[in-house]
Amino acid sequence: LSEKPVLSINRDFSAPVIIDFEQTNDELYFQLQHDDNPFNQWEAAQKLFVSHIIHHQKLDPSFLSICEELMFHPELNPAFKELLFTLPAEAYLHEQVELIEPQELHLSRRSIRHMLAQSLQKKWLQIYQTHQTPGEYSASPDQSSKRAFKNLALNMLMDADNSLGST
């Protein structure tokens, strides 16, 4: 092989399994951008978000560029996109550290969400505008997925306009 492969393991596996192996951010970026297995793609995003939150890192331009690309990827379902951009819950973050500092994790998570919201604010507005479901309400999968992604976009727009100090 001319370069180290990026592993995409547990493809289509249905049981909850945790495999602990090291992946670089570049490998996770590649997997997030190119893996054709939705679970592995989602897990790459979650690992990246967890790492950035726990280590109090800013979202770098490479990550934001991939996020922007995925927001408008025509083959990805809007409901999946909503899951992809939903940050890990604080309870999950507490499980990922030895010493739990709830206030620190809370503020770091909010900071990452604010960065994601503010950096892609124009894109979130575009998502909000293009994922409207006019007409009579329908519980169809198509309309439900559009509403889910549109509502996330609306939340991100509100977060982008608010200071980190507000709730």
Protein backbone atom coordinates (compact mmCIF):
# COMPACT_ATOMS: atom_id res chain seq x y z
CA LEU A 1 0.00 0.00 0.00
CA SER A 2 1.24 3.46 -0.82
CA GLU A 3 -0.32 4.94 2.34
CA LYS A 4 -1.85 3.77 5.59
CA PRO A 5 -5.52 2.77 5.11
CA VAL A 6 -8.32 4.32 7.16
CA LEU A 7 -10.30 1.54 8.82
CA SER A 8 -14.07 1.42 8.65
CA ILE A 9 -14.88 -1.31 11.14
CA ASN A 10 -18.15 -2.77 12.48
CA ARG A 11 -19.95 -1.97 9.25
CA ASP A 12 -23.65 -2.82 9.50
CA PHE A 13 -23.11 -4.30 12.96
CA SER A 14 -26.26 -4.00 15.07
CA ALA A 15 -25.06 -4.77 18.61
CA PRO A 16 -23.67 -2.02 20.83
CA VAL A 17 -19.93 -2.69 20.76
CA ILE A 18 -17.17 -0.39 21.91
CA ILE A 19 -13.78 -0.89 20.28
CA ASP A 20 -11.03 1.28 21.64
CA PHE A 21 -8.42 2.06 18.99
CA GLU A 22 -6.54 5.21 18.18
CA GLN A 23 -7.49 7.30 15.17
CA THR A 24 -5.95 10.61 14.23
CA ASN A 25 -8.12 13.62 13.48
CA ASP A 26 -7.08 13.32 9.83
CA GLU A 27 -8.30 9.71 9.74
CA LEU A 28 -11.58 10.74 11.36
CA TYR A 29 -11.95 13.64 8.91
CA PHE A 30 -11.44 11.21 6.03
CA GLN A 31 -13.95 8.76 7.46
CA LEU A 32 -16.51 11.50 8.11
CA GLN A 33 -16.15 12.79 4.58
CA HIS A 34 -15.85 9.54 2.62
CA ASP A 35 -17.20 6.54 4.54
CA ASP A 36 -20.32 5.12 2.93
CA ASN A 37 -21.48 3.49 6.18
CA PRO A 38 -23.75 5.97 7.98
CA PHE A 39 -23.00 4.67 11.48
CA ASN A 40 -19.25 4.93 11.00
CA GLN A 41 -19.64 8.38 9.48
CA TRP A 42 -21.74 9.49 12.47
CA GLU A 43 -19.30 7.91 14.92
CA ALA A 44 -16.38 9.76 13.31
CA ALA A 45 -18.25 13.05 13.82
CA GLN A 46 -19.03 12.15 17.44
CA LYS A 47 -15.39 11.23 18.16
CA LEU A 48 -14.25 14.53 16.69
CA PHE A 49 -16.80 16.53 18.69
CA VAL A 50 -15.91 14.65 21.90
CA SER A 51 -12.19 15.27 21.38
CA HIS A 52 -12.69 18.97 20.69
CA ILE A 53 -14.98 19.38 23.69
CA ILE A 54 -12.85 17.44 26.18
CA HIS A 55 -9.61 19.10 25.08
CA HIS A 56 -11.19 22.58 24.80
CA GLN A 57 -10.06 22.90 21.17
CA LYS A 58 -11.50 25.21 18.55
CA LEU A 59 -13.05 23.67 15.46
CA ASP A 60 -10.42 23.86 12.76
CA PRO A 61 -11.14 24.97 9.18
CA SER A 62 -10.77 21.42 7.81
CA PHE A 63 -13.49 20.13 10.10
CA LEU A 64 -15.78 23.06 9.34
CA SER A 65 -15.24 22.62 5.60
CA ILE A 66 -16.24 18.95 5.83
CA CYS A 67 -19.29 19.91 7.90
CA GLU A 68 -20.34 22.44 5.28
CA GLU A 69 -19.94 19.84 2.54
CA LEU A 70 -22.04 17.30 4.47
CA MET A 71 -24.78 19.85 5.16
CA PHE A 72 -25.50 19.97 1.44
CA HIS A 73 -24.58 16.40 0.45
CA PRO A 74 -27.45 15.37 -1.86
CA GLU A 75 -27.34 11.66 -0.97
CA LEU A 76 -27.57 12.10 2.80
CA ASN A 77 -31.02 12.10 4.37
CA PRO A 78 -31.84 15.33 6.27
CA ALA A 79 -32.69 13.31 9.41
CA PHE A 80 -29.24 11.73 9.27
CA LYS A 81 -27.69 15.18 8.85
CA GLU A 82 -29.56 16.33 11.95
CA LEU A 83 -28.05 13.43 13.91
CA LEU A 84 -24.62 14.08 12.43
CA PHE A 85 -24.56 17.67 13.73
CA THR A 86 -26.07 16.94 17.15
CA LEU A 87 -23.29 17.15 19.72
CA PRO A 88 -22.79 14.34 22.22
CA ALA A 89 -24.83 14.65 25.40
CA GLU A 90 -23.12 15.89 28.54
CA ALA A 91 -23.81 12.56 30.29
CA TYR A 92 -21.86 10.78 27.53
CA LEU A 93 -19.03 13.31 27.82
CA HIS A 94 -18.83 12.58 31.57
CA GLU A 95 -18.25 8.91 30.71
CA GLN A 96 -15.27 9.86 28.53
CA VAL A 97 -13.16 11.54 31.21
CA GLU A 98 -11.49 10.32 34.41
CA LEU A 99 -12.25 13.43 36.43
CA ILE A 100 -15.68 14.88 35.79
CA GLU A 101 -15.82 18.66 35.88
CA PRO A 102 -19.45 19.31 34.90
CA GLN A 103 -19.20 23.08 34.54
CA GLU A 104 -16.08 22.88 32.38
CA LEU A 105 -17.57 20.23 30.07
CA HIS A 106 -20.83 22.15 29.86
CA LEU A 107 -19.07 25.38 28.86
CA SER A 108 -16.76 23.62 26.43
CA ARG A 109 -19.71 21.84 24.76
CA ARG A 110 -21.59 25.14 24.47
CA SER A 111 -18.50 26.79 23.03
CA ILE A 112 -18.13 24.12 20.33
CA ARG A 113 -21.84 24.37 19.47
CA HIS A 114 -21.56 28.15 19.28
CA MET A 115 -18.51 27.85 17.00
CA LEU A 116 -20.35 25.41 14.74
CA ALA A 117 -23.37 27.70 14.68
CA GLN A 118 -21.49 30.93 14.10
CA SER A 119 -18.93 29.63 11.59
CA LEU A 120 -21.65 28.16 9.39
CA GLN A 121 -24.36 30.73 10.11
CA LYS A 122 -25.10 31.54 6.47
CA LYS A 123 -25.26 27.83 5.65
CA TRP A 124 -27.66 27.19 8.55
CA LEU A 125 -29.90 29.95 7.21
CA GLN A 126 -29.82 28.32 3.78
CA ILE A 127 -30.74 24.95 5.33
CA TYR A 128 -33.58 26.57 7.27
CA GLN A 129 -34.95 28.19 4.13
CA THR A 130 -34.63 25.14 1.87
CA HIS A 131 -36.07 22.57 4.28
CA GLN A 132 -39.49 24.12 4.81
CA THR A 133 -42.46 21.76 4.54
CA PRO A 134 -45.29 23.92 3.21
CA GLY A 135 -48.83 22.72 2.97
CA GLU A 136 -50.73 20.35 5.19
CA TYR A 137 -48.80 18.60 7.94
CA SER A 138 -47.64 15.12 7.08
CA ALA A 139 -45.86 12.60 9.29
CA SER A 140 -44.15 11.15 6.23
CA PRO A 141 -40.47 10.25 6.59
CA ASP A 142 -39.53 12.85 3.98
CA GLN A 143 -41.29 15.73 5.73
CA SER A 144 -40.26 14.56 9.21
CA SER A 145 -36.59 14.43 8.21
CA LYS A 146 -36.77 17.88 6.63
CA ARG A 147 -38.42 19.30 9.77
CA ALA A 148 -35.76 17.73 12.01
CA PHE A 149 -32.89 19.26 10.03
CA LYS A 150 -34.71 22.58 9.64
CA ASN A 151 -35.31 22.75 13.40
CA LEU A 152 -31.64 22.04 14.10
CA ALA A 153 -30.75 24.84 11.66
CA LEU A 154 -33.12 27.20 13.50
CA ASN A 155 -31.53 26.28 16.84
CA MET A 156 -28.08 26.87 15.37
CA LEU A 157 -29.17 30.26 14.02
CA MET A 158 -30.44 31.23 17.47
CA ASP A 159 -27.21 30.00 19.04
CA ALA A 160 -25.11 31.94 16.51
CA ASP A 161 -26.88 35.16 17.45
CA ASN A 162 -26.68 34.62 21.21
CA SER A 163 -23.69 35.16 23.42
CA LEU A 164 -22.23 32.15 25.22
CA GLY A 165 -23.56 33.54 28.48
CA SER A 166 -27.22 33.17 27.58
CA THR A 167 -29.24 30.00 27.95
